[in-house]
C-alpha atoms as a PDB file:
ATOM      1  CA  MET A   1     180.978  80.702  83.961  1.00  0.00           C
ATOM      2  CA  SER A   2     181.415  80.034  87.644  1.00  0.00           C
ATOM      3  CA  GLU A   3     182.219  76.504  88.717  1.00  0.00           C
ATOM      4  CA  THR A   4     180.432  75.390  91.862  1.00  0.00           C
ATOM      5  CA  LEU A   5     181.612  72.722  94.275  1.00  0.00           C
ATOM      6  CA  SER A   6     178.553  70.611  93.556  1.00  0.00           C
ATOM      7  CA  ASN A   7     179.241  70.760  89.802  1.00  0.00           C
ATOM      8  CA  PHE A   8     182.913  69.959  90.420  1.00  0.00           C
ATOM      9  CA  LEU A   9     181.926  66.864  92.431  1.00  0.00           C
ATOM     10  CA  ILE A  10     179.402  65.788  89.803  1.00  0.00           C
ATOM     11  CA  ASP A  11     182.062  66.146  87.096  1.00  0.00           C
ATOM     12  CA  LEU A  12     184.474  63.974  89.094  1.00  0.00           C
ATOM     13  CA  ALA A  13     181.795  61.339  89.595  1.00  0.00           C
ATOM     14  CA  SER A  14     180.644  61.291  85.974  1.00  0.00           C
ATOM     15  CA  ASP A  15     183.886  61.895  84.034  1.00  0.00           C
ATOM     16  CA  PRO A  16     186.478  59.112  84.493  1.00  0.00           C
ATOM     17  CA  ALA A  17     189.188  61.192  82.763  1.00  0.00           C
ATOM     18  CA  ARG A  18     188.657  64.146  85.106  1.00  0.00           C
ATOM     19  CA  LEU A  19     188.637  61.836  88.130  1.00  0.00           C
ATOM     20  CA  ALA A  20     191.900  60.262  86.948  1.00  0.00           C
ATOM     21  CA  SER A  21     193.429  63.733  86.527  1.00  0.00           C
ATOM     22  CA  PHE A  22     192.265  64.769  89.987  1.00  0.00           C
ATOM     23  CA  THR A  23     193.570  61.550  91.547  1.00  0.00           C
ATOM     24  CA  ALA A  24     196.967  62.002  89.872  1.00  0.00           C
ATOM     25  CA  ASP A  25     197.317  65.735  90.635  1.00  0.00           C
ATOM     26  CA  PRO A  26     194.628  67.114  92.967  1.00  0.00           C
ATOM     27  CA  ASP A  27     196.491  70.384  93.580  1.00  0.00           C
ATOM     28  CA  GLY A  28     196.921  71.008  89.848  1.00  0.00           C
ATOM     29  CA  VAL A  29     193.281  70.300  89.039  1.00  0.00           C
ATOM     30  CA  LEU A  30     192.098  72.453  91.950  1.00  0.00           C
ATOM     31  CA  ALA A  31     194.434  75.296  90.922  1.00  0.00           C
ATOM     32  CA  MET A  32     192.789  75.354  87.484  1.00  0.00           C
ATOM     33  CA  SER A  33     189.290  75.296  88.991  1.00  0.00           C
ATOM     34  CA  GLN A  34     187.194  78.281  89.999  1.00  0.00           C
ATOM     35  CA  LEU A  35     186.510  76.894  93.477  1.00  0.00           C
ATOM     36  CA  THR A  36     186.913  79.098  96.541  1.00  0.00           C
ATOM     37  CA  GLY A  37     189.679  78.533  99.066  1.00  0.00           C
ATOM     38  CA  ILE A  38     187.204  76.914 101.475  1.00  0.00           C
ATOM     39  CA  GLU A  39     185.993  74.568  98.739  1.00  0.00           C
ATOM     40  CA  ARG A  40     189.555  73.660  97.694  1.00  0.00           C
ATOM     41  CA  ALA A  41     190.536  72.957 101.304  1.00  0.00           C
ATOM     42  CA  ALA A  42     187.495  70.697 101.690  1.00  0.00           C
ATOM     43  CA  MET A  43     188.424  68.802  98.531  1.00  0.00           C
ATOM     44  CA  VAL A  44     192.026  68.346  99.674  1.00  0.00           C
ATOM     45  CA  SER A  45     190.955  67.165 103.131  1.00  0.00           C
ATOM     46  CA  GLY A  46     188.634  64.532 101.682  1.00  0.00           C
ATOM     47  CA  ASP A  47     186.604  64.815 104.893  1.00  0.00           C
ATOM     48  CA  PRO A  48     182.873  64.413 104.184  1.00  0.00           C
ATOM     49  CA  ASP A  49     182.014  66.853 106.989  1.00  0.00           C
ATOM     50  CA  ASP A  50     184.314  69.504 105.474  1.00  0.00           C
ATOM     51  CA  LEU A  51     182.629  68.980 102.103  1.00  0.00           C
ATOM     52  CA  ARG A  52     179.149  69.306 103.660  1.00  0.00           C
ATOM     53  CA  VAL A  53     180.172  72.559 105.361  1.00  0.00           C
ATOM     54  CA  ALA A  54     181.642  73.914 102.107  1.00  0.00           C
ATOM     55  CA  LEU A  55     178.501  72.947 100.171  1.00  0.00           C
ATOM     56  CA  ALA A  56     176.309  74.589 102.812  1.00  0.00           C
ATOM     57  CA  ALA A  57     178.511  77.685 102.716  1.00  0.00           C
ATOM     58  CA  ALA A  58     178.128  77.911  98.951  1.00  0.00           C
ATOM     59  CA  ARG A  59     174.339  77.703  99.279  1.00  0.00           C
ATOM     60  CA  LYS A  60     174.411  80.322 102.020  1.00  0.00           C
ATOM     61  CA  GLY A  61     176.480  82.764  99.970  1.00  0.00           C
ATOM     62  CA  ALA A  62     180.137  82.223  99.166  1.00  0.00           C
ATOM     63  CA  GLY A  63     181.131  80.839 102.550  1.00  0.00           C
ATOM     64  CA  LYS A  64     179.847  83.659 104.755  1.00  0.00           C
ATOM     65  CA  GLY A  65     178.147  83.029 108.067  1.00  0.00           C
ATOM     66  CA  VAL A  66     178.053  79.231 108.204  1.00  0.00           C
ATOM     67  CA  LYS A  67     178.157  78.019 111.789  1.00  0.00           C
ATOM     68  CA  THR A  68     179.555  74.558 112.408  1.00  0.00           C
ATOM     69  CA  LYS A  69     179.436  74.463 116.228  1.00  0.00           C
ATOM     70  CA  LYS A  70     176.828  75.416 118.763  1.00  0.00           C
ATOM     71  CA  LYS A  71     177.118  75.828 122.512  1.00  0.00           C
ATOM     72  CA  LYS A  72     175.560  73.245 124.814  1.00  0.00           C
ATOM     73  CA  LYS A  73     174.027  74.321 128.104  1.00  0.00           C
ATOM     74  CA  GLY A  74     176.859  72.531 129.935  1.00  0.00           C
ATOM     75  CA  GLY A  75     179.413  74.904 128.384  1.00  0.00           C
ATOM     76  CA  GLY A  76     181.028  72.503 125.886  1.00  0.00           C
ATOM     77  CA  ASP A  77     180.768  72.549 122.117  1.00  0.00           C
ATOM     78  CA  GLU A  78     178.413  70.275 120.239  1.00  0.00           C
ATOM     79  CA  GLU A  79     178.728  69.495 116.551  1.00  0.00           C
ATOM     80  CA  ALA A  80     175.902  71.003 114.542  1.00  0.00           C
ATOM     81  CA  ALA A  81     174.841  69.874 111.101  1.00  0.00           C
ATOM     82  CA  PRO A  82     175.283  72.511 108.405  1.00  0.00           C
ATOM     83  CA  GLU A  83     172.066  74.246 107.401  1.00  0.00           C
ATOM     84  CA  GLY A  84     170.043  71.972 105.151  1.00  0.00           C
ATOM     85  CA  ALA A  85     171.874  68.806 106.264  1.00  0.00           C
ATOM     86  CA  ALA A  86     170.234  66.137 108.340  1.00  0.00           C
ATOM     87  CA  ALA A  87     171.483  65.944 111.909  1.00  0.00           C
ATOM     88  CA  ALA A  88     173.181  62.710 112.891  1.00  0.00           C
ATOM     89  CA  ALA A  89     171.369  60.593 115.432  1.00  0.00           C
ATOM     90  CA  PRO A  90     173.054  60.533 118.824  1.00  0.00           C
ATOM     91  CA  LYS A  91     174.955  57.374 119.664  1.00  0.00           C
ATOM     92  CA  SER A  92     173.218  55.206 122.217  1.00  0.00           C
ATOM     93  CA  GLU A  93     175.064  54.511 125.442  1.00  0.00           C
ATOM     94  CA  ALA A  94     172.804  51.578 126.347  1.00  0.00           C
ATOM     95  CA  PRO A  95     174.243  48.077 125.843  1.00  0.00           C
ATOM     96  CA  LYS A  96     172.825  46.077 122.988  1.00  0.00           C
ATOM     97  CA  SER A  97     170.239  43.503 124.018  1.00  0.00           C
ATOM     98  CA  GLU A  98     170.817  39.841 123.441  1.00  0.00           C
ATOM     99  CA  ALA A  99     168.893  37.917 120.794  1.00  0.00           C
ATOM    100  CA  PRO A 100     165.614  36.470 122.072  1.00  0.00           C
ATOM    101  CA  LYS A 101     165.987  32.949 123.416  1.00  0.00           C
ATOM    102  CA  SER A 102     164.032  30.206 121.754  1.00  0.00           C
ATOM    103  CA  ASP A 103     161.886  27.749 123.711  1.00  0.00           C
ATOM    104  CA  ALA A 104     162.741  25.005 121.208  1.00  0.00           C
ATOM    105  CA  PRO A 105     165.005  22.224 122.536  1.00  0.00           C
ATOM    106  CA  SER A 106     168.612  22.418 121.403  1.00  0.00           C
ATOM    107  CA  ALA A 107     169.989  19.862 118.962  1.00  0.00           C
ATOM    108  CA  GLU A 108     172.958  18.915 121.158  1.00  0.00           C
END
C-alpha cells in the first residue's frame, strides 16, 4: 500500500505516538515511510509552502510538472499558489486609517 503525504500528515495529527516518534527522530520515521524525496524534503523543511507544493505535486502526479513561480510582465518572478490552493491576497501598501473620532466630550 502506498503512503501518501496527506495520509502521513493525518497520521501525525491523529496518532500521538507517531507524532512523538517523528518529533524524536524525523529522519528515521521518514526513512521508513513510502514518501517521495520531494515529500520528505517538505516534511524536513517544515515550511507550509513546501508542504502545499508537495501536496499539489502528489495530486498532479508524483511531483511532475508543478510550477511554483510565474513571470510578471515587469520581468521579475511572482509567487504563484500551487494548483488547487487559494492565492494569498496581496499586501496593502496604503497606511491604516485611524479609528473614527467620537463627537462625545472627553472625560478629562
